[in-house]
Amino acid sequence: MAYGGRGFGGGGGFRGPRQMFDVTCSECGKPSQVPFKPTEGRPVYCRDCYSAKKPQFGGA
């Protein structure tokens, strides 16, 4: 099975390192970096606070 050199998702392959933006976490105030340009007026969270806030999936 050939994928045409585009990667498994057809997303175009490796694009190099992402630009990171310095932010201050809206929850704990810790400096962090995110791979997107923050939008003014919207909260931005560090990795730890984001992990604590995101919904937990799975169940018995």
PDB file of N, CA and C in Angstrom:
ATOM      1  N   MET A   1       0.848  -1.173   0.000  1.00  0.00           N
ATOM      2  CA  MET A   1       0.000   0.000   0.000  1.00  0.00           C
ATOM      3  C   MET A   1       0.894   1.236   0.000  1.00  0.00           C
ATOM      4  N   ALA A   2       0.748   2.112  -0.954  1.00  0.00           N
ATOM      5  CA  ALA A   2       1.585   3.305  -1.057  1.00  0.00           C
ATOM      6  C   ALA A   2       0.837   4.518  -0.516  1.00  0.00           C
ATOM      7  N   TYR A   3       1.593   5.410   0.099  1.00  0.00           N
ATOM      8  CA  TYR A   3       0.995   6.611   0.668  1.00  0.00           C
ATOM      9  C   TYR A   3       1.456   7.869  -0.053  1.00  0.00           C
ATOM     10  N   GLY A   4       2.226   7.744  -1.110  1.00  0.00           N
ATOM     11  CA  GLY A   4       2.620   8.893  -1.906  1.00  0.00           C
ATOM     12  C   GLY A   4       3.550   9.862  -1.205  1.00  0.00           C
ATOM     13  N   GLY A   5       4.201   9.425  -0.119  1.00  0.00           N
ATOM     14  CA  GLY A   5       5.139  10.289   0.572  1.00  0.00           C
ATOM     15  C   GLY A   5       4.490  11.430   1.333  1.00  0.00           C
ATOM     16  N   ARG A   6       3.203  11.359   1.549  1.00  0.00           N
ATOM     17  CA  ARG A   6       2.513  12.465   2.204  1.00  0.00           C
ATOM     18  C   ARG A   6       2.212  12.186   3.666  1.00  0.00           C
ATOM     19  N   GLY A   7       2.653  11.083   4.186  1.00  0.00           N
ATOM     20  CA  GLY A   7       2.338  10.757   5.573  1.00  0.00           C
ATOM     21  C   GLY A   7       1.059   9.951   5.642  1.00  0.00           C
ATOM     22  N   PHE A   8       0.771   9.411   6.789  1.00  0.00           N
ATOM     23  CA  PHE A   8      -0.378   8.533   6.922  1.00  0.00           C
ATOM     24  C   PHE A   8      -1.700   9.267   6.853  1.00  0.00           C
ATOM     25  N   GLY A   9      -1.763  10.526   7.270  1.00  0.00           N
ATOM     26  CA  GLY A   9      -3.035  11.234   7.242  1.00  0.00           C
ATOM     27  C   GLY A   9      -3.206  12.085   5.999  1.00  0.00           C
ATOM     28  N   GLY A  10      -2.233  12.040   5.092  1.00  0.00           N
ATOM     29  CA  GLY A  10      -2.317  12.889   3.918  1.00  0.00           C
ATOM     30  C   GLY A  10      -2.104  14.347   4.262  1.00  0.00           C
ATOM     31  N   GLY A  11      -1.502  14.612   5.424  1.00  0.00           N
ATOM     32  CA  GLY A  11      -1.350  15.978   5.892  1.00  0.00           C
ATOM     33  C   GLY A  11      -0.157  16.711   5.346  1.00  0.00           C
ATOM     34  N   GLY A  12       0.661  16.112   4.512  1.00  0.00           N
ATOM     35  CA  GLY A  12       1.751  16.843   3.894  1.00  0.00           C
ATOM     36  C   GLY A  12       3.107  16.569   4.493  1.00  0.00           C
ATOM     37  N   GLY A  13       3.207  15.764   5.520  1.00  0.00           N
ATOM     38  CA  GLY A  13       4.516  15.399   6.040  1.00  0.00           C
ATOM     39  C   GLY A  13       5.078  16.399   7.031  1.00  0.00           C
ATOM     40  N   PHE A  14       6.382  16.314   7.242  1.00  0.00           N
ATOM     41  CA  PHE A  14       7.087  17.107   8.242  1.00  0.00           C
ATOM     42  C   PHE A  14       7.208  18.561   7.795  1.00  0.00           C
ATOM     43  N   ARG A  15       6.851  19.467   8.645  1.00  0.00           N
ATOM     44  CA  ARG A  15       6.885  20.890   8.305  1.00  0.00           C
ATOM     45  C   ARG A  15       7.952  21.658   9.075  1.00  0.00           C
ATOM     46  N   GLY A  16       8.746  20.997   9.890  1.00  0.00           N
ATOM     47  CA  GLY A  16       9.766  21.690  10.666  1.00  0.00           C
ATOM     48  C   GLY A  16       9.231  22.091  12.033  1.00  0.00           C
ATOM     49  N   PRO A  17      10.066  22.752  12.816  1.00  0.00           N
ATOM     50  CA  PRO A  17       9.648  23.122  14.174  1.00  0.00           C
ATOM     51  C   PRO A  17       8.548  24.178  14.152  1.00  0.00           C
ATOM     52  N   ARG A  18       7.634  24.065  15.097  1.00  0.00           N
ATOM     53  CA  ARG A  18       6.537  25.023  15.209  1.00  0.00           C
ATOM     54  C   ARG A  18       7.023  26.294  15.890  1.00  0.00           C
ATOM     55  N   GLN A  19       6.409  27.404  15.531  1.00  0.00           N
ATOM     56  CA  GLN A  19       6.680  28.646  16.235  1.00  0.00           C
ATOM     57  C   GLN A  19       5.951  28.585  17.565  1.00  0.00           C
ATOM     58  N   MET A  20       6.643  28.923  18.641  1.00  0.00           N
ATOM     59  CA  MET A  20       6.049  28.895  19.968  1.00  0.00           C
ATOM     60  C   MET A  20       5.901  30.328  20.479  1.00  0.00           C
ATOM     61  N   PHE A  21       4.838  30.561  21.249  1.00  0.00           N
ATOM     62  CA  PHE A  21       4.553  31.886  21.777  1.00  0.00           C
ATOM     63  C   PHE A  21       4.610  31.842  23.297  1.00  0.00           C
ATOM     64  N   ASP A  22       5.285  32.834  23.889  1.00  0.00           N
ATOM     65  CA  ASP A  22       5.370  32.931  25.339  1.00  0.00           C
ATOM     66  C   ASP A  22       4.057  33.454  25.891  1.00  0.00           C
ATOM     67  N   VAL A  23       3.551  32.797  26.937  1.00  0.00           N
ATOM     68  CA  VAL A  23       2.299  33.193  27.573  1.00  0.00           C
ATOM     69  C   VAL A  23       2.434  33.059  29.082  1.00  0.00           C
ATOM     70  N   THR A  24       1.476  33.627  29.792  1.00  0.00           N
ATOM     71  CA  THR A  24       1.344  33.429  31.227  1.00  0.00           C
ATOM     72  C   THR A  24       0.033  32.696  31.441  1.00  0.00           C
ATOM     73  N   CYS A  25       0.082  31.588  32.157  1.00  0.00           N
ATOM     74  CA  CYS A  25      -1.102  30.770  32.385  1.00  0.00           C
ATOM     75  C   CYS A  25      -2.185  31.580  33.083  1.00  0.00           C
ATOM     76  N   SER A  26      -3.409  31.522  32.560  1.00  0.00           N
ATOM     77  CA  SER A  26      -4.542  32.246  33.127  1.00  0.00           C
ATOM     78  C   SER A  26      -4.996  31.644  34.454  1.00  0.00           C
ATOM     79  N   GLU A  27      -4.621  30.399  34.721  1.00  0.00           N
ATOM     80  CA  GLU A  27      -5.056  29.713  35.945  1.00  0.00           C
ATOM     81  C   GLU A  27      -4.041  29.889  37.082  1.00  0.00           C
ATOM     82  N   CYS A  28      -2.770  29.546  36.841  1.00  0.00           N
ATOM     83  CA  CYS A  28      -1.783  29.544  37.925  1.00  0.00           C
ATOM     84  C   CYS A  28      -0.752  30.668  37.825  1.00  0.00           C
ATOM     85  N   GLY A  29      -0.700  31.372  36.679  1.00  0.00           N
ATOM     86  CA  GLY A  29       0.224  32.486  36.523  1.00  0.00           C
ATOM     87  C   GLY A  29       1.640  32.093  36.127  1.00  0.00           C
ATOM     88  N   LYS A  30       1.853  30.791  35.879  1.00  0.00           N
ATOM     89  CA  LYS A  30       3.180  30.296  35.519  1.00  0.00           C
ATOM     90  C   LYS A  30       3.483  30.632  34.059  1.00  0.00           C
ATOM     91  N   PRO A  31       4.730  31.061  33.758  1.00  0.00           N
ATOM     92  CA  PRO A  31       5.090  31.281  32.352  1.00  0.00           C
ATOM     93  C   PRO A  31       5.112  29.957  31.591  1.00  0.00           C
ATOM     94  N   SER A  32       4.676  29.990  30.344  1.00  0.00           N
ATOM     95  CA  SER A  32       4.618  28.782  29.530  1.00  0.00           C
ATOM     96  C   SER A  32       4.752  29.174  28.067  1.00  0.00           C
ATOM     97  N   GLN A  33       4.687  28.185  27.184  1.00  0.00           N
ATOM     98  CA  GLN A  33       4.705  28.420  25.746  1.00  0.00           C
ATOM     99  C   GLN A  33       3.604  27.594  25.105  1.00  0.00           C
ATOM    100  N   VAL A  34       3.003  28.164  24.048  1.00  0.00           N
ATOM    101  CA  VAL A  34       1.958  27.473  23.310  1.00  0.00           C
ATOM    102  C   VAL A  34       2.270  27.544  21.820  1.00  0.00           C
ATOM    103  N   PRO A  35       1.812  26.558  21.031  1.00  0.00           N
ATOM    104  CA  PRO A  35       2.118  26.519  19.589  1.00  0.00           C
ATOM    105  C   PRO A  35       1.129  27.312  18.732  1.00  0.00           C
ATOM    106  N   PHE A  36       0.447  28.292  19.316  1.00  0.00           N
ATOM    107  CA  PHE A  36      -0.495  29.122  18.566  1.00  0.00           C
ATOM    108  C   PHE A  36      -0.422  30.539  19.123  1.00  0.00           C
ATOM    109  N   LYS A  37      -0.813  31.514  18.303  1.00  0.00           N
ATOM    110  CA  LYS A  37      -0.830  32.898  18.763  1.00  0.00           C
ATOM    111  C   LYS A  37      -2.073  33.101  19.606  1.00  0.00           C
ATOM    112  N   PRO A  38      -1.899  33.460  20.882  1.00  0.00           N
ATOM    113  CA  PRO A  38      -3.062  33.642  21.757  1.00  0.00           C
ATOM    114  C   PRO A  38      -3.965  34.776  21.272  1.00  0.00           C
ATOM    115  N   THR A  39      -5.262  34.597  21.473  1.00  0.00           N
ATOM    116  CA  THR A  39      -6.250  35.602  21.124  1.00  0.00           C
ATOM    117  C   THR A  39      -6.522  36.452  22.352  1.00  0.00           C
ATOM    118  N   GLU A  40      -6.429  37.759  22.186  1.00  0.00           N
ATOM    119  CA  GLU A  40      -6.654  38.669  23.308  1.00  0.00           C
ATOM    120  C   GLU A  40      -8.054  38.461  23.881  1.00  0.00           C
ATOM    121  N   GLY A  41      -8.125  38.413  25.208  1.00  0.00           N
ATOM    122  CA  GLY A  41      -9.415  38.243  25.869  1.00  0.00           C
ATOM    123  C   GLY A  41      -9.798  36.797  26.133  1.00  0.00           C
ATOM    124  N   ARG A  42      -9.019  35.851  25.619  1.00  0.00           N
ATOM    125  CA  ARG A  42      -9.316  34.429  25.852  1.00  0.00           C
ATOM    126  C   ARG A  42      -8.262  33.841  26.770  1.00  0.00           C
ATOM    127  N   PRO A  43      -8.650  32.986  27.716  1.00  0.00           N
ATOM    128  CA  PRO A  43      -7.671  32.400  28.632  1.00  0.00           C
ATOM    129  C   PRO A  43      -6.740  31.422  27.919  1.00  0.00           C
ATOM    130  N   VAL A  44      -5.499  31.366  28.410  1.00  0.00           N
ATOM    131  CA  VAL A  44      -4.498  30.430  27.900  1.00  0.00           C
ATOM    132  C   VAL A  44      -3.922  29.715  29.114  1.00  0.00           C
ATOM    133  N   TYR A  45      -3.785  28.389  29.017  1.00  0.00           N
ATOM    134  CA  TYR A  45      -3.352  27.597  30.154  1.00  0.00           C
ATOM    135  C   TYR A  45      -2.024  26.895  29.887  1.00  0.00           C
ATOM    136  N   CYS A  46      -1.238  26.702  30.951  1.00  0.00           N
ATOM    137  CA  CYS A  46      -0.021  25.902  30.847  1.00  0.00           C
ATOM    138  C   CYS A  46      -0.439  24.436  30.669  1.00  0.00           C
ATOM    139  N   ARG A  47       0.521  23.593  30.383  1.00  0.00           N
ATOM    140  CA  ARG A  47       0.223  22.178  30.144  1.00  0.00           C
ATOM    141  C   ARG A  47      -0.472  21.532  31.333  1.00  0.00           C
ATOM    142  N   ASP A  48       0.006  21.826  32.544  1.00  0.00           N
ATOM    143  CA  ASP A  48      -0.573  21.201  33.739  1.00  0.00           C
ATOM    144  C   ASP A  48      -2.028  21.624  33.959  1.00  0.00           C
ATOM    145  N   CYS A  49      -2.285  22.930  33.862  1.00  0.00           N
ATOM    146  CA  CYS A  49      -3.655  23.420  34.080  1.00  0.00           C
ATOM    147  C   CYS A  49      -4.581  22.965  32.957  1.00  0.00           C
ATOM    148  N   TYR A  50      -4.092  22.937  31.725  1.00  0.00           N
ATOM    149  CA  TYR A  50      -4.915  22.472  30.603  1.00  0.00           C
ATOM    150  C   TYR A  50      -5.296  21.004  30.806  1.00  0.00           C
ATOM    151  N   SER A  51      -4.325  20.192  31.227  1.00  0.00           N
ATOM    152  CA  SER A  51      -4.606  18.766  31.455  1.00  0.00           C
ATOM    153  C   SER A  51      -5.646  18.581  32.552  1.00  0.00           C
ATOM    154  N   ALA A  52      -5.598  19.431  33.582  1.00  0.00           N
ATOM    155  CA  ALA A  52      -6.548  19.321  34.683  1.00  0.00           C
ATOM    156  C   ALA A  52      -7.939  19.771  34.261  1.00  0.00           C
ATOM    157  N   LYS A  53      -8.033  20.669  33.274  1.00  0.00           N
ATOM    158  CA  LYS A  53      -9.320  21.212  32.857  1.00  0.00           C
ATOM    159  C   LYS A  53     -10.012  20.400  31.770  1.00  0.00           C
ATOM    160  N   LYS A  54      -9.253  19.726  30.908  1.00  0.00           N
ATOM    161  CA  LYS A  54      -9.892  19.046  29.787  1.00  0.00           C
ATOM    162  C   LYS A  54     -10.727  17.862  30.263  1.00  0.00           C
ATOM    163  N   PRO A  55     -11.811  17.581  29.564  1.00  0.00           N
ATOM    164  CA  PRO A  55     -12.693  16.483  29.971  1.00  0.00           C
ATOM    165  C   PRO A  55     -11.963  15.140  29.948  1.00  0.00           C
ATOM    166  N   GLN A  56     -12.266  14.329  30.914  1.00  0.00           N
ATOM    167  CA  GLN A  56     -11.679  12.995  30.980  1.00  0.00           C
ATOM    168  C   GLN A  56     -12.634  12.018  30.320  1.00  0.00           C
ATOM    169  N   PHE A  57     -12.135  11.302  29.323  1.00  0.00           N
ATOM    170  CA  PHE A  57     -12.963  10.337  28.598  1.00  0.00           C
ATOM    171  C   PHE A  57     -12.683   8.927  29.124  1.00  0.00           C
ATOM    172  N   GLY A  58     -13.603   8.079  28.844  1.00  0.00           N
ATOM    173  CA  GLY A  58     -13.453   6.688  29.276  1.00  0.00           C
ATOM    174  C   GLY A  58     -14.395   6.413  30.425  1.00  0.00           C
ATOM    175  N   GLY A  59     -14.607   5.210  30.653  1.00  0.00           N
ATOM    176  CA  GLY A  59     -15.512   4.841  31.728  1.00  0.00           C
ATOM    177  C   GLY A  59     -15.650   3.323  31.749  1.00  0.00           C
ATOM    178  N   ALA A  60     -16.270   2.874  32.776  1.00  0.00           N
ATOM    179  CA  ALA A  60     -16.394   1.429  32.909  1.00  0.00           C
ATOM    180  C   ALA A  60     -17.665   0.907  32.359  1.00  0.00           C
TER     181      ALA A  60
END
